[in-house]
Amino acid sequence: MRNPYEVLGVNEGASQDEIKKAYRELAKKYHPDQYGDNPLKDLAEQKMREINEAYDYLTKNANSNTYSSYSQSDSSNYTSTDYNSIRSDLNRGDINSAESKLNSIRTRDAEWFFLMGNVCLKKGWYDNAYNYLQNACNLNPTNPEYRNAFENLARMNNSYRRPYNNRGYNDRDDLCNLCISLWCAENICDCLGGGMGGGC
C-alpha cells in the first residue's frame, strides 16, 4: 500500500477533518458509478479501493502522526524490488513467473499496467497489451517509457487492429464473394441445362 497521506493528497499529520474532506472530494471524483460503461470504470474502481484503504488506515490510526508506523507485513503490498524482479523475469523470457507475480499484486498502479502490457505483448495478445499500456499512460502520462511503448504498439501495422485489407474490404467479404460466385455459376449451369455437379 502506498503512503495513505499521499493517496489522499494531504500532509502527514493532517487533522481528521482535513482527511475526511480530502476523502470526500476524491470519492466524488473517482466513484465508479459515475463512469457507467466508460472503459475507465475499472481504473476508477481500483483507485477507489486505494482511497478507501488509505482513509480506513488513517481514521483507524488517528493517534498516529506518521505513516512510518504502518505495518508493511501485508503480502499484497508491493515494492520497487517486486517490480524489478518482474522486469528481470520479462527480460529472461519467464512470462509465467512475471504474470504470476503481477496477479498477486492487489494495488495496480501505472507500473503494474505497463508490465502487464509487456506480458501480453510477449504472449502475442496485442489488443490486451494495447489496453494495458494505454492505462499505464493514463495513470502516468509523463513517463516516457510508458508513452514510447504505447506509441510503438499503436504505430505497428497490425492487421489484428485493422478489419480491412489494402483492397478496401475485409476477409469476410472475400468469402461472401466466393459464395456468390459459386451460386451464380451453379445457376448459370442450370440454365444451360447442366449443373456444376453434373459437369456443365
Protein backbone atom coordinates (compact mmCIF):
# COMPACT_ATOMS: atom_id res chain seq x y z
CA MET A 1 0.00 0.00 0.00
CA ARG A 2 1.23 3.48 -0.85
CA ASN A 3 1.63 6.11 1.81
CA PRO A 4 -2.01 6.82 2.76
CA TYR A 5 -1.32 10.54 3.13
CA GLU A 6 -0.06 10.65 -0.46
CA VAL A 7 -3.08 8.70 -1.68
CA LEU A 8 -5.44 11.23 -0.14
CA GLY A 9 -3.24 14.18 -1.08
CA VAL A 10 -2.84 15.53 2.47
CA ASN A 11 0.22 16.32 4.55
CA GLU A 12 1.43 13.85 7.16
CA GLY A 13 -0.15 14.72 10.48
CA ALA A 14 -3.24 16.18 8.80
CA SER A 15 -6.27 16.59 11.03
CA GLN A 16 -9.19 14.19 10.81
CA ASP A 17 -11.29 16.98 9.30
CA GLU A 18 -8.70 17.50 6.54
CA ILE A 19 -8.55 13.76 5.91
CA LYS A 20 -12.34 13.48 5.71
CA LYS A 21 -12.58 16.46 3.38
CA ALA A 22 -9.90 15.04 1.06
CA TYR A 23 -11.59 11.65 1.10
CA ARG A 24 -14.99 13.09 0.19
CA GLU A 25 -13.53 15.05 -2.74
CA LEU A 26 -11.65 12.03 -4.10
CA ALA A 27 -14.64 9.73 -3.61
CA LYS A 28 -16.80 12.16 -5.57
CA LYS A 29 -14.21 12.25 -8.37
CA TYR A 30 -13.45 8.52 -8.63
CA HIS A 31 -16.68 6.79 -7.60
CA PRO A 32 -17.20 4.08 -10.26
CA ASP A 33 -20.97 4.66 -10.52
CA GLN A 34 -20.43 7.89 -12.41
CA TYR A 35 -18.38 6.16 -15.12
CA GLY A 36 -21.20 3.99 -16.48
CA ASP A 37 -19.85 1.89 -19.37
CA ASN A 38 -16.73 4.02 -19.73
CA PRO A 39 -13.61 1.81 -20.10
CA LEU A 40 -12.01 3.84 -17.31
CA LYS A 41 -14.54 2.41 -14.83
CA ASP A 42 -12.15 -0.42 -13.85
CA LEU A 43 -9.40 2.09 -13.12
CA ALA A 44 -11.81 4.18 -11.08
CA GLU A 45 -12.74 1.10 -9.04
CA GLN A 46 -9.08 0.37 -8.33
CA LYS A 47 -8.44 3.98 -7.41
CA MET A 48 -11.47 3.97 -5.13
CA ARG A 49 -10.23 0.84 -3.36
CA GLU A 50 -6.88 2.54 -2.79
CA ILE A 51 -8.61 5.68 -1.48
CA ASN A 52 -10.80 3.61 0.87
CA GLU A 53 -7.79 1.69 2.20
CA ALA A 54 -5.91 4.92 2.88
CA TYR A 55 -8.92 6.52 4.57
CA ASP A 56 -9.60 3.44 6.71
CA TYR A 57 -5.99 3.30 7.81
CA LEU A 58 -5.80 6.98 8.73
CA THR A 59 -9.12 7.04 10.58
CA LYS A 60 -8.39 3.84 12.49
CA ASN A 61 -4.94 5.11 13.42
CA ALA A 62 -5.98 8.64 14.30
CA ASN A 63 -3.42 8.87 17.11
CA SER A 64 -0.53 8.00 14.83
CA ASN A 65 1.30 11.02 13.44
CA THR A 66 3.18 9.44 10.58
CA TYR A 67 2.90 6.73 8.01
CA SER A 68 6.07 5.08 9.30
CA SER A 69 4.02 3.33 11.96
CA TYR A 70 2.10 1.45 9.25
CA SER A 71 2.81 -2.27 9.24
CA GLN A 72 4.30 -3.47 5.97
CA SER A 73 3.51 -7.12 6.66
CA ASP A 74 0.63 -7.37 4.20
CA SER A 75 1.72 -9.82 1.49
CA SER A 76 -0.27 -7.93 -1.14
CA ASN A 77 1.93 -4.85 -0.72
CA TYR A 78 4.43 -4.27 -3.45
CA THR A 79 7.79 -2.56 -3.64
CA SER A 80 10.03 -1.40 -6.43
CA THR A 81 12.04 -4.58 -5.74
CA ASP A 82 8.99 -6.63 -6.74
CA TYR A 83 8.72 -4.72 -9.98
CA ASN A 84 12.45 -5.13 -10.62
CA SER A 85 12.03 -8.86 -10.16
CA ILE A 86 9.15 -8.87 -12.67
CA ARG A 87 11.23 -6.89 -15.16
CA SER A 88 14.02 -9.46 -14.74
CA ASP A 89 11.53 -12.25 -15.45
CA LEU A 90 10.40 -10.49 -18.62
CA ASN A 91 13.99 -9.95 -19.76
CA ARG A 92 14.70 -13.66 -19.25
CA GLY A 93 11.52 -14.60 -21.10
CA ASP A 94 9.93 -16.13 -17.99
CA ILE A 95 6.45 -14.84 -18.84
CA ASN A 96 4.57 -17.15 -16.47
CA SER A 97 6.57 -16.03 -13.46
CA ALA A 98 6.13 -12.36 -14.34
CA GLU A 99 2.38 -12.80 -14.84
CA SER A 100 2.00 -14.74 -11.60
CA LYS A 101 3.80 -12.04 -9.62
CA LEU A 102 1.72 -9.30 -11.23
CA ASN A 103 -1.52 -11.12 -10.45
CA SER A 104 -0.52 -11.32 -6.77
CA ILE A 105 -0.28 -7.52 -6.53
CA ARG A 106 -3.54 -6.04 -5.35
CA THR A 107 -2.86 -2.33 -5.83
CA ARG A 108 -2.47 -1.70 -9.54
CA ASP A 109 -0.61 1.44 -10.49
CA ALA A 110 0.88 2.65 -13.77
CA GLU A 111 3.92 0.37 -13.47
CA TRP A 112 1.67 -2.63 -12.95
CA PHE A 113 -0.30 -1.84 -16.12
CA PHE A 114 2.92 -1.25 -18.06
CA LEU A 115 4.43 -4.58 -17.02
CA MET A 116 1.19 -6.48 -17.64
CA GLY A 117 1.08 -4.86 -21.07
CA ASN A 118 4.54 -6.27 -21.72
CA VAL A 119 3.42 -9.72 -20.59
CA CYS A 120 0.56 -9.56 -23.09
CA LEU A 121 2.91 -8.35 -25.84
CA LYS A 122 5.20 -11.32 -25.30
CA LYS A 123 2.20 -13.65 -25.43
CA GLY A 124 1.01 -12.07 -28.66
CA TRP A 125 -2.17 -10.68 -27.07
CA TYR A 126 -1.91 -7.31 -28.78
CA ASP A 127 -5.39 -5.98 -28.02
CA ASN A 128 -4.88 -6.63 -24.29
CA ALA A 129 -1.38 -5.18 -24.44
CA TYR A 130 -2.75 -2.05 -26.11
CA ASN A 131 -5.33 -1.58 -23.33
CA TYR A 132 -2.85 -2.16 -20.50
CA LEU A 133 -0.26 0.22 -21.97
CA GLN A 134 -2.94 2.83 -22.56
CA ASN A 135 -3.96 2.55 -18.89
CA ALA A 136 -0.32 2.96 -17.83
CA CYS A 137 -0.09 6.17 -19.87
CA ASN A 138 -3.39 7.44 -18.48
CA LEU A 139 -2.16 6.91 -14.91
CA ASN A 140 1.29 8.37 -15.54
CA PRO A 141 1.24 10.41 -18.77
CA THR A 142 4.69 11.93 -18.16
CA ASN A 143 6.56 8.61 -18.13
CA PRO A 144 8.48 8.38 -21.44
CA GLU A 145 8.96 4.60 -21.20
CA TYR A 146 5.21 4.01 -20.96
CA ARG A 147 4.44 6.54 -23.69
CA ASN A 148 7.04 5.12 -26.11
CA ALA A 149 5.83 1.54 -25.63
CA PHE A 150 2.23 2.57 -26.20
CA GLU A 151 3.01 4.70 -29.25
CA ASN A 152 5.20 1.99 -30.79
CA LEU A 153 2.40 -0.53 -30.44
CA ALA A 154 -0.15 1.93 -31.79
CA ARG A 155 2.07 2.62 -34.83
CA MET A 156 2.64 -1.01 -35.68
CA ASN A 157 0.98 -2.14 -38.87
CA ASN A 158 -1.12 -4.73 -37.07
CA SER A 159 -3.76 -6.36 -39.19
CA TYR A 160 -5.42 -7.53 -35.97
CA ARG A 161 -6.49 -3.94 -35.34
CA ARG A 162 -7.45 -3.30 -38.97
CA PRO A 163 -10.56 -5.10 -40.14
CA TYR A 164 -9.97 -4.03 -43.76
CA ASN A 165 -7.20 -5.13 -46.07
CA ASN A 166 -5.43 -2.98 -48.63
CA ARG A 167 -8.15 -3.55 -51.20
CA GLY A 168 -10.71 -1.78 -49.04
CA TYR A 169 -12.74 -4.72 -47.80
CA ASN A 170 -12.32 -7.36 -45.15
CA ASP A 171 -11.67 -11.08 -45.42
CA ARG A 172 -15.31 -11.95 -44.80
CA ASP A 173 -16.13 -10.06 -48.00
CA ASP A 174 -13.78 -12.39 -49.88
CA LEU A 175 -15.68 -15.42 -48.56
CA CYS A 176 -19.04 -13.84 -49.45
CA ASN A 177 -17.81 -13.04 -52.95
CA LEU A 178 -16.67 -16.64 -53.40
CA CYS A 179 -20.04 -17.99 -52.26
CA ILE A 180 -21.94 -15.61 -54.55
CA SER A 181 -19.70 -16.55 -57.48
CA LEU A 182 -20.31 -20.26 -56.89
CA TRP A 183 -24.06 -19.69 -56.56
CA CYS A 184 -24.12 -17.67 -59.80
CA ALA A 185 -22.08 -20.33 -61.62
CA GLU A 186 -24.43 -23.05 -60.39
CA ASN A 187 -27.48 -21.12 -61.60
CA ILE A 188 -25.92 -20.34 -64.99
CA CYS A 189 -25.05 -24.01 -65.47
CA ASP A 190 -28.63 -24.99 -64.51
CA CYS A 191 -29.99 -22.53 -67.06
CA LEU A 192 -27.77 -24.08 -69.73
CA GLY A 193 -29.15 -27.49 -68.93
CA GLY A 194 -26.32 -28.76 -66.78
CA GLY A 195 -25.23 -28.50 -63.20
CA MET A 196 -21.93 -27.95 -61.53
CA GLY A 197 -22.11 -31.37 -60.06
CA GLY A 198 -23.02 -32.94 -63.38
CA GLY A 199 -20.33 -31.17 -65.42
CA CYS A 200 -21.81 -28.28 -67.34
